[in-house]
């Protein structure tokens, strides 16, 4: 089932739309945003130099610090009177990122989210519970308007108050749950505490974003809640949710290519890589009026394919995000992504879904501690069982990462829970000499 005929255009038709819109977006940014005029002039690039899609590589990259350095509205292309909505990043350090939407931007955003909902199988017969935060975070509002456009009944419950979440889930017969995956696992824990099973609720579909999750975590979610787990992807800087999304075939996330142009680059050199290569995702907006983004470096590591999906959609697909180039830790010369550790942990019996990685430096040597919760705290009373499980975890992590780690097993519900993005890594290097 498709929301828009655009989702099944031929590759040549998609690229024709993209080129027309790219030319407009580049000229618009050059004329309306002094930052882009200065950057392009400095690189010797003018809007009329864009005659093919590959010409986008002539334009310098935009990075997150560019938005922070131009806080609050230095990258806006229109005055505040033409902005109907502001949103901001959820960052905790330095100045936040502020973005603005015109009326047309809002309509396009809603269209992108409606496609996402339809790809996940959502219809007007569904009751959708939005457990994303409402406010400056884009997630809640983005999904809300997309769900309403496809005709679903929306419960804007926002995040937190897990017992109330479950009460409404039962009483209103929620069929679609929208949240971060880590919060979904927390809800599953609370359900168990309340004596509520997956047979007591009506959920059929999950639409999860705000943070990545591995196939192993997906399996945990689907098993514990009895639902189909779909992932979606977006960034505050570009639009929020709706940039890309999974269909029910789970073969990657479809990019709304008539609104966004995607590239994969080598994160070290900036070189554009061919289809199928793993690298950093770079996105250019094609229709943005409020705050156009040209060649925005997402820091997310993934791949692209342009093969037609079994669902019939022809938009390019990005693989599930492996990690972030700036989240990658180099530990004793080894590149480590938190998702690699998560994949190992999710495959081990007896431990829960919540973990944290503590990275320190001792005597000029990097060390990593893996803290993970047990499903049954009684194992802590048995040294032999505790040692056996610790050794299993340590061995499997070493097999994948080729480094030794310290494993600390914790009582259930020891680590902090959050309704938003989980905090998986605590990097204390430079503070432990």
Protein backbone atom coordinates (compact mmCIF):
# COMPACT_ATOMS: atom_id res chain seq x y z
CA UNK A 1 0.00 0.00 0.00
CA UNK A 2 1.36 3.42 -0.98
CA UNK A 3 0.42 6.89 0.16
CA UNK A 4 1.73 8.77 -2.89
CA UNK A 5 2.32 7.86 -6.55
CA UNK A 6 5.75 9.51 -6.16
CA UNK A 7 6.91 6.45 -4.20
CA UNK A 8 6.84 4.28 -7.34
CA UNK A 9 8.38 6.60 -9.93
CA UNK A 10 11.09 5.21 -12.17
CA UNK A 11 14.71 6.04 -11.35
CA UNK A 12 14.90 8.48 -14.27
CA UNK A 13 11.70 10.19 -13.13
CA UNK A 14 12.96 10.45 -9.56
CA UNK A 15 16.25 11.97 -10.69
CA UNK A 16 14.46 14.45 -12.97
CA UNK A 17 12.39 15.66 -10.01
CA UNK A 18 15.47 15.81 -7.81
CA UNK A 19 17.51 17.81 -10.32
CA UNK A 20 14.76 20.37 -10.87
CA UNK A 21 14.30 20.83 -7.14
CA UNK A 22 18.03 20.80 -6.40
CA UNK A 23 18.62 23.66 -8.83
CA UNK A 24 15.86 25.62 -7.13
CA UNK A 25 17.11 24.83 -3.60
CA UNK A 26 20.72 25.81 -4.35
CA UNK A 27 19.67 29.10 -5.99
CA UNK A 28 17.26 29.78 -3.14
CA UNK A 29 19.88 29.16 -0.45
CA UNK A 30 22.45 31.26 -2.32
CA UNK A 31 20.05 34.20 -2.63
CA UNK A 32 18.38 34.02 0.77
CA UNK A 33 21.05 32.79 3.22
CA UNK A 34 24.27 34.85 3.49
CA UNK A 35 26.05 31.84 5.01
CA UNK A 36 25.56 29.78 1.85
CA UNK A 37 26.45 32.64 -0.48
CA UNK A 38 29.72 33.14 1.39
CA UNK A 39 30.50 29.41 1.44
CA UNK A 40 29.74 28.91 -2.23
CA UNK A 41 31.59 32.03 -3.31
CA UNK A 42 34.58 30.85 -1.29
CA UNK A 43 34.50 27.53 -3.15
CA UNK A 44 34.05 29.23 -6.53
CA UNK A 45 30.57 27.76 -6.98
CA UNK A 46 27.49 29.52 -8.31
CA UNK A 47 23.95 28.16 -8.61
CA UNK A 48 24.26 27.92 -12.42
CA UNK A 49 27.13 25.44 -11.94
CA UNK A 50 24.57 22.83 -10.84
CA UNK A 51 23.52 21.10 -14.05
CA UNK A 52 23.58 17.44 -12.89
CA UNK A 53 22.88 15.71 -9.57
CA UNK A 54 26.57 14.86 -9.20
CA UNK A 55 27.38 18.59 -9.29
CA UNK A 56 26.16 18.73 -5.69
CA UNK A 57 29.69 17.58 -4.77
CA UNK A 58 30.97 21.05 -5.76
CA UNK A 59 29.15 22.60 -2.80
CA UNK A 60 30.91 22.64 0.61
CA UNK A 61 29.50 20.55 3.45
CA UNK A 62 27.27 21.92 6.19
CA UNK A 63 27.94 20.61 9.72
CA UNK A 64 26.20 20.87 13.06
CA UNK A 65 28.55 23.54 14.39
CA UNK A 66 27.46 25.79 11.52
CA UNK A 67 23.96 25.85 12.98
CA UNK A 68 25.22 26.44 16.51
CA UNK A 69 27.56 29.20 15.35
CA UNK A 70 24.61 30.92 13.66
CA UNK A 71 22.22 30.53 16.62
CA UNK A 72 19.35 31.16 16.66
CA UNK A 73 18.20 32.02 13.14
CA UNK A 74 21.33 32.92 11.18
CA UNK A 75 20.74 30.14 8.62
CA UNK A 76 17.05 30.97 8.11
CA UNK A 77 16.02 31.98 4.60
CA UNK A 78 12.87 33.84 5.67
CA UNK A 79 11.98 36.29 8.44
CA UNK A 80 10.30 35.03 11.60
CA UNK A 81 6.92 36.32 10.41
CA UNK A 82 6.96 33.62 7.71
CA UNK A 83 7.82 30.85 10.20
CA UNK A 84 4.82 28.97 11.62
CA UNK A 85 6.78 26.54 13.80
CA UNK A 86 10.11 26.46 15.64
CA UNK A 87 11.78 23.29 16.85
CA UNK A 88 15.09 22.70 18.56
CA UNK A 89 17.57 19.91 19.10
CA UNK A 90 17.72 17.97 22.31
CA UNK A 91 21.44 18.50 22.78
CA UNK A 92 22.71 19.05 26.32
CA UNK A 93 25.95 20.90 25.61
CA UNK A 94 26.53 24.32 24.13
CA UNK A 95 23.89 26.25 22.25
CA UNK A 96 20.99 24.26 20.81
CA UNK A 97 20.08 24.00 17.16
CA UNK A 98 16.98 25.95 16.18
CA UNK A 99 15.04 25.19 13.00
CA UNK A 100 11.98 26.84 11.50
CA UNK A 101 9.18 25.68 9.23
CA UNK A 102 7.09 27.71 6.83
CA UNK A 103 3.51 26.68 6.05
CA UNK A 104 4.74 24.80 2.96
CA UNK A 105 7.49 23.13 5.00
CA UNK A 106 4.89 21.89 7.47
CA UNK A 107 2.74 20.49 4.69
CA UNK A 108 5.71 18.69 3.11
CA UNK A 109 6.79 17.32 6.49
CA UNK A 110 3.31 15.96 7.10
CA UNK A 111 3.34 14.37 3.63
CA UNK A 112 6.64 12.62 4.39
CA UNK A 113 5.31 11.30 7.69
CA UNK A 114 2.07 10.12 6.09
CA UNK A 115 4.13 8.01 3.69
CA UNK A 116 6.04 6.60 6.64
CA UNK A 117 2.87 5.65 8.48
CA UNK A 118 1.41 3.97 5.39
CA UNK A 119 4.62 2.01 4.80
CA UNK A 120 4.30 0.65 8.36
CA UNK A 121 0.76 -0.50 7.59
CA UNK A 122 -1.09 2.23 9.49
CA UNK A 123 -4.62 3.07 8.27
CA UNK A 124 -7.68 4.99 9.42
CA UNK A 125 -8.70 1.92 11.42
CA UNK A 126 -5.77 2.28 13.83
CA UNK A 127 -5.40 3.90 17.23
CA UNK A 128 -1.90 5.38 17.45
CA UNK A 129 -0.27 6.19 20.79
CA UNK A 130 2.49 8.78 20.42
CA UNK A 131 4.89 8.30 23.34
CA UNK A 132 7.46 10.70 21.92
CA UNK A 133 7.93 13.97 23.73
CA UNK A 134 5.84 16.91 22.53
CA UNK A 135 7.58 20.25 22.50
CA UNK A 136 10.88 21.34 21.00
CA UNK A 137 11.67 17.72 20.01
CA UNK A 138 10.41 17.10 16.46
CA UNK A 139 9.35 13.49 16.96
CA UNK A 140 5.98 13.90 18.63
CA UNK A 141 4.57 16.57 16.34
CA UNK A 142 5.98 15.02 13.15
CA UNK A 143 4.37 11.64 13.71
CA UNK A 144 1.19 13.26 15.07
CA UNK A 145 0.40 15.14 11.88
CA UNK A 146 1.38 12.24 9.63
CA UNK A 147 -0.89 9.88 11.55
CA UNK A 148 -3.78 12.30 11.39
CA UNK A 149 -3.30 12.74 7.65
CA UNK A 150 -3.71 8.99 7.05
CA UNK A 151 -6.80 9.04 9.28
CA UNK A 152 -5.56 7.19 12.36
CA UNK A 153 -6.99 8.04 15.78
CA UNK A 154 -4.11 9.73 17.63
CA UNK A 155 -3.48 9.62 21.37
CA UNK A 156 -0.89 12.40 22.03
CA UNK A 157 0.14 10.99 25.39
CA UNK A 158 3.76 12.18 25.13
CA UNK A 159 6.56 10.48 27.06
CA UNK A 160 6.78 9.27 30.66
CA UNK A 161 4.21 8.06 33.23
CA UNK A 162 4.56 4.47 32.08
CA UNK A 163 1.68 3.06 34.14
CA UNK A 164 -0.70 5.55 32.53
CA UNK A 165 0.74 4.65 29.10
CA UNK A 166 -0.20 1.02 29.68
CA UNK A 167 -3.64 1.89 31.09
CA UNK A 168 -4.55 3.89 27.99
CA UNK A 169 -2.97 1.24 25.78
CA UNK A 170 -5.41 -1.29 27.21
CA UNK A 171 -8.48 0.90 27.57
CA UNK A 172 -8.31 2.64 24.17
CA UNK A 173 -7.11 -0.53 22.42
CA UNK A 174 -4.00 1.09 20.97
CA UNK A 175 -2.77 -0.71 17.85
CA UNK A 176 0.25 1.45 16.93
CA UNK A 177 2.94 2.57 19.38
CA UNK A 178 5.37 5.40 18.61
CA UNK A 179 8.39 5.77 20.91
CA UNK A 180 12.13 5.31 21.26
CA UNK A 181 13.07 1.59 21.28
CA UNK A 182 14.74 1.79 24.68
CA UNK A 183 11.56 3.26 26.18
CA UNK A 184 9.52 0.47 24.59
CA UNK A 185 11.64 -2.10 26.41
CA UNK A 186 11.11 -0.13 29.61
CA UNK A 187 7.34 -0.26 29.02
CA UNK A 188 7.62 -4.02 28.59
CA UNK A 189 9.28 -4.21 32.01
CA UNK A 190 6.53 -2.14 33.62
CA UNK A 191 3.88 -4.30 31.94
CA UNK A 192 5.45 -7.38 33.49
CA UNK A 193 5.46 -5.69 36.91
CA UNK A 194 1.76 -4.85 36.47
CA UNK A 195 0.91 -8.38 35.41
CA UNK A 196 -0.03 -7.22 31.89
CA UNK A 197 0.91 -9.59 29.07
CA UNK A 198 1.06 -9.04 25.34
CA UNK A 199 -2.23 -10.94 25.11
CA UNK A 200 -3.89 -8.23 27.24
CA UNK A 201 -3.14 -5.45 24.75
CA UNK A 202 -4.03 -4.83 21.12
CA UNK A 203 -0.73 -3.59 19.69
CA UNK A 204 0.18 -4.75 16.21
CA UNK A 205 2.76 -2.23 15.00
CA UNK A 206 5.61 -0.19 16.46
CA UNK A 207 7.08 2.88 14.75
CA UNK A 208 10.34 3.55 16.53
CA UNK A 209 12.92 6.29 16.11
CA UNK A 210 14.93 8.90 17.97
CA UNK A 211 17.75 6.37 18.40
CA UNK A 212 18.94 3.35 16.47
CA UNK A 213 18.45 -0.23 17.53
CA UNK A 214 19.98 -3.45 16.36
CA UNK A 215 18.17 -6.44 14.81
CA UNK A 216 18.76 -8.20 18.12
CA UNK A 217 16.90 -5.49 20.03
CA UNK A 218 14.15 -5.58 17.38
CA UNK A 219 13.71 -9.29 18.06
CA UNK A 220 13.41 -8.62 21.80
CA UNK A 221 10.75 -5.94 21.25
CA UNK A 222 8.72 -8.04 18.84
CA UNK A 223 8.82 -11.04 21.14
CA UNK A 224 7.90 -9.19 24.32
CA UNK A 225 5.09 -7.08 22.84
CA UNK A 226 3.92 -9.30 19.99
CA UNK A 227 4.23 -6.54 17.39
CA UNK A 228 5.91 -5.75 14.10
CA UNK A 229 8.81 -3.37 14.76
CA UNK A 230 9.54 -0.71 12.10
CA UNK A 231 12.28 1.87 12.30
CA UNK A 232 12.29 5.40 10.99
CA UNK A 233 14.96 8.04 10.66
CA UNK A 234 15.18 11.78 10.73
CA UNK A 235 17.18 14.69 12.08
CA UNK A 236 16.00 17.93 13.63
CA UNK A 237 18.31 19.83 11.29
CA UNK A 238 16.59 18.40 8.19
CA UNK A 239 12.94 17.80 9.10
CA UNK A 240 12.63 15.46 12.05
CA UNK A 241 10.97 12.08 11.39
CA UNK A 242 9.97 11.32 7.82
CA UNK A 243 13.31 11.49 6.08
CA UNK A 244 13.39 7.71 5.72
CA UNK A 245 11.43 4.74 7.03
CA UNK A 246 11.02 0.99 6.86
CA UNK A 247 8.25 -0.82 5.07
CA UNK A 248 7.03 -4.20 6.30
CA UNK A 249 9.68 -6.02 4.25
CA UNK A 250 12.47 -4.71 6.53
CA UNK A 251 15.02 -4.33 3.73
CA UNK A 252 16.24 -0.86 4.61
CA UNK A 253 14.67 2.55 5.11
CA UNK A 254 13.07 4.27 2.12
CA UNK A 255 14.30 7.84 1.64
CA UNK A 256 11.74 10.42 0.50
CA UNK A 257 13.87 11.26 -2.51
CA UNK A 258 11.59 13.91 -3.93
CA UNK A 259 12.31 15.94 -0.78
CA UNK A 260 15.89 14.89 0.00
CA UNK A 261 19.06 14.06 -1.94
CA UNK A 262 21.30 11.48 -0.25
CA UNK A 263 25.02 10.82 -0.65
CA UNK A 264 27.47 8.49 1.08
CA UNK A 265 30.94 9.89 1.72
CA UNK A 266 34.18 8.71 3.23
CA UNK A 267 34.02 10.41 6.66
CA UNK A 268 37.77 11.00 6.64
CA UNK A 269 38.26 12.41 3.14
CA UNK A 270 34.79 13.67 2.16
CA UNK A 271 35.01 11.69 -1.07
CA UNK A 272 31.64 10.57 -2.49
CA UNK A 273 31.45 6.76 -2.45
CA UNK A 274 29.66 4.46 -4.91
CA UNK A 275 26.38 2.63 -4.26
CA UNK A 276 26.72 -0.08 -1.65
CA UNK A 277 29.74 1.44 0.09
CA UNK A 278 29.58 2.02 3.82
CA UNK A 279 30.21 5.58 4.87
CA UNK A 280 28.71 8.74 6.32
CA UNK A 281 25.26 9.81 5.16
CA UNK A 282 25.05 13.33 3.71
CA UNK A 283 21.64 14.89 3.03
CA UNK A 284 20.56 17.95 1.03
CA UNK A 285 17.02 19.28 1.31
CA UNK A 286 15.21 19.93 -1.96
CA UNK A 287 12.12 21.93 -0.98
CA UNK A 288 12.93 23.69 2.31
CA UNK A 289 11.87 27.33 2.60
CA UNK A 290 12.52 28.03 6.28
CA UNK A 291 16.04 26.67 6.65
CA UNK A 292 17.51 24.96 3.57
CA UNK A 293 20.32 22.48 4.21
CA UNK A 294 22.94 21.75 1.55
CA UNK A 295 25.15 18.68 1.98
CA UNK A 296 24.52 18.29 5.69
CA UNK A 297 26.87 15.78 7.30
CA UNK A 298 24.69 13.59 9.51
CA UNK A 299 27.61 11.66 11.09
CA UNK A 300 25.51 8.50 10.70
CA UNK A 301 27.20 5.47 9.15
CA UNK A 302 25.15 3.49 6.64
CA UNK A 303 24.90 2.35 3.00
CA UNK A 304 22.59 3.18 0.09
CA UNK A 305 20.93 0.99 -2.52
CA UNK A 306 18.81 2.06 -5.47
CA UNK A 307 17.28 -1.35 -6.20
CA UNK A 308 13.49 -1.52 -6.25
CA UNK A 309 12.11 -2.88 -2.99
CA UNK A 310 9.88 -5.95 -2.89
CA UNK A 311 7.11 -3.65 -1.60
CA UNK A 312 7.13 -1.85 -4.96
CA UNK A 313 8.68 1.41 -3.73
CA UNK A 314 11.46 2.72 -5.92
CA UNK A 315 13.02 5.31 -3.63
CA UNK A 316 16.60 4.71 -2.55
CA UNK A 317 16.98 2.79 0.68
CA UNK A 318 19.48 3.38 3.44
CA UNK A 319 20.53 0.52 5.66
CA UNK A 320 19.81 0.70 9.36
CA UNK A 321 22.34 3.08 10.88
CA UNK A 322 25.35 1.14 12.11
CA UNK A 323 26.55 3.94 14.33
CA UNK A 324 27.74 7.51 14.24
CA UNK A 325 31.17 8.55 13.11
CA UNK A 326 31.41 10.78 16.17
CA UNK A 327 30.08 8.00 18.46
CA UNK A 328 32.69 5.57 17.22
CA UNK A 329 35.26 4.98 19.93
CA UNK A 330 38.83 4.11 19.17
CA UNK A 331 39.97 1.81 21.95
CA UNK A 332 43.54 0.55 21.76
CA UNK A 333 43.49 1.08 18.00
CA UNK A 334 40.17 -0.71 17.44
CA UNK A 335 37.09 1.06 16.05
CA UNK A 336 34.18 0.29 18.39
CA UNK A 337 30.53 1.15 17.84
CA UNK A 338 28.05 0.75 20.74
CA UNK A 339 25.74 -1.13 18.35
CA UNK A 340 28.35 -3.90 18.07
CA UNK A 341 28.28 -4.44 21.82
CA UNK A 342 24.48 -4.31 21.84
CA UNK A 343 24.28 -7.02 19.17
CA UNK A 344 26.41 -9.30 21.35
CA UNK A 345 24.45 -8.63 24.54
CA UNK A 346 21.03 -9.15 22.98
CA UNK A 347 22.05 -12.69 22.01
CA UNK A 348 22.98 -13.83 25.51
CA UNK A 349 20.42 -15.49 27.78
CA UNK A 350 20.00 -14.30 31.33
CA UNK A 351 20.72 -10.60 30.81
CA UNK A 352 18.35 -7.72 30.21
CA UNK A 353 18.13 -5.13 27.46
CA UNK A 354 19.66 -2.26 29.39
CA UNK A 355 23.41 -1.68 29.37
CA UNK A 356 26.03 1.05 29.60
CA UNK A 357 29.61 1.32 28.36
CA UNK A 358 32.11 3.10 30.61
CA UNK A 359 35.36 4.13 28.89
CA UNK A 360 38.35 5.29 30.94
CA UNK A 361 42.10 5.72 30.62
CA UNK A 362 44.42 4.13 33.18
CA UNK A 363 48.18 4.55 32.90
CA UNK A 364 47.74 5.84 29.35
CA UNK A 365 45.79 2.72 28.35
CA UNK A 366 42.13 2.87 27.25
CA UNK A 367 39.81 0.50 29.09
CA UNK A 368 36.12 -0.29 28.59
CA UNK A 369 33.68 -1.60 31.17
CA UNK A 370 30.39 -3.15 30.06
CA UNK A 371 27.68 -2.75 32.68
CA UNK A 372 24.62 -4.88 31.98
CA UNK A 373 21.55 -5.81 34.00
CA UNK A 374 20.58 -9.36 34.89
CA UNK A 375 17.08 -10.66 34.32
CA UNK A 376 17.24 -12.49 37.65
CA UNK A 377 19.24 -10.83 40.40
CA UNK A 378 19.56 -14.07 42.36
CA UNK A 379 22.47 -15.11 40.14
CA UNK A 380 24.54 -12.54 42.05
CA UNK A 381 24.43 -14.94 45.01
CA UNK A 382 26.16 -17.67 43.01
CA UNK A 383 29.81 -16.88 42.30
CA UNK A 384 30.23 -19.75 39.86
CA UNK A 385 27.17 -18.80 37.79
CA UNK A 386 28.14 -15.14 37.88
CA UNK A 387 31.67 -15.91 36.72
CA UNK A 388 30.41 -18.21 33.97
CA UNK A 389 28.05 -15.55 32.58
CA UNK A 390 30.69 -12.80 32.86
CA UNK A 391 33.20 -14.92 31.01
CA UNK A 392 30.68 -15.72 28.27
CA UNK A 393 29.98 -12.02 27.71
CA UNK A 394 33.67 -11.14 27.81
CA UNK A 395 34.57 -13.90 25.34
CA UNK A 396 31.84 -13.00 22.83
CA UNK A 397 32.73 -9.29 22.93
CA UNK A 398 36.39 -10.15 22.40
CA UNK A 399 35.46 -12.33 19.42
CA UNK A 400 33.64 -9.40 17.77
CA UNK A 401 35.80 -6.44 18.82
CA UNK A 402 39.20 -8.07 19.40
CA UNK A 403 39.62 -6.24 22.71
CA UNK A 404 39.28 -7.30 26.34
CA UNK A 405 36.62 -5.60 28.43
CA UNK A 406 35.57 -5.62 32.06
CA UNK A 407 32.05 -6.98 32.57
CA UNK A 408 29.93 -5.83 35.51
CA UNK A 409 26.62 -7.59 36.10
CA UNK A 410 23.98 -5.54 37.88
CA UNK A 411 20.69 -6.19 39.60
CA UNK A 412 17.59 -5.69 37.44
CA UNK A 413 16.47 -2.05 37.06
CA UNK A 414 19.77 -0.64 38.29
CA UNK A 415 20.57 1.53 35.26
CA UNK A 416 18.70 4.76 34.67
CA UNK A 417 15.62 4.56 32.42
CA UNK A 418 14.53 7.41 30.17
CA UNK A 419 11.55 8.09 27.93
CA UNK A 420 13.87 9.77 25.44
CA UNK A 421 17.14 8.71 23.91
CA UNK A 422 19.10 6.26 26.05
CA UNK A 423 22.60 7.16 27.23
CA UNK A 424 24.67 4.13 26.33
CA UNK A 425 28.21 5.51 26.57
CA UNK A 426 30.03 7.32 29.37
CA UNK A 427 33.44 8.36 28.07
CA UNK A 428 35.70 9.44 30.94
CA UNK A 429 38.98 9.41 29.08
CA UNK A 430 41.24 12.27 29.98
CA UNK A 431 39.72 12.44 33.43
CA UNK A 432 41.19 9.31 34.99
CA UNK A 433 44.96 9.90 35.07
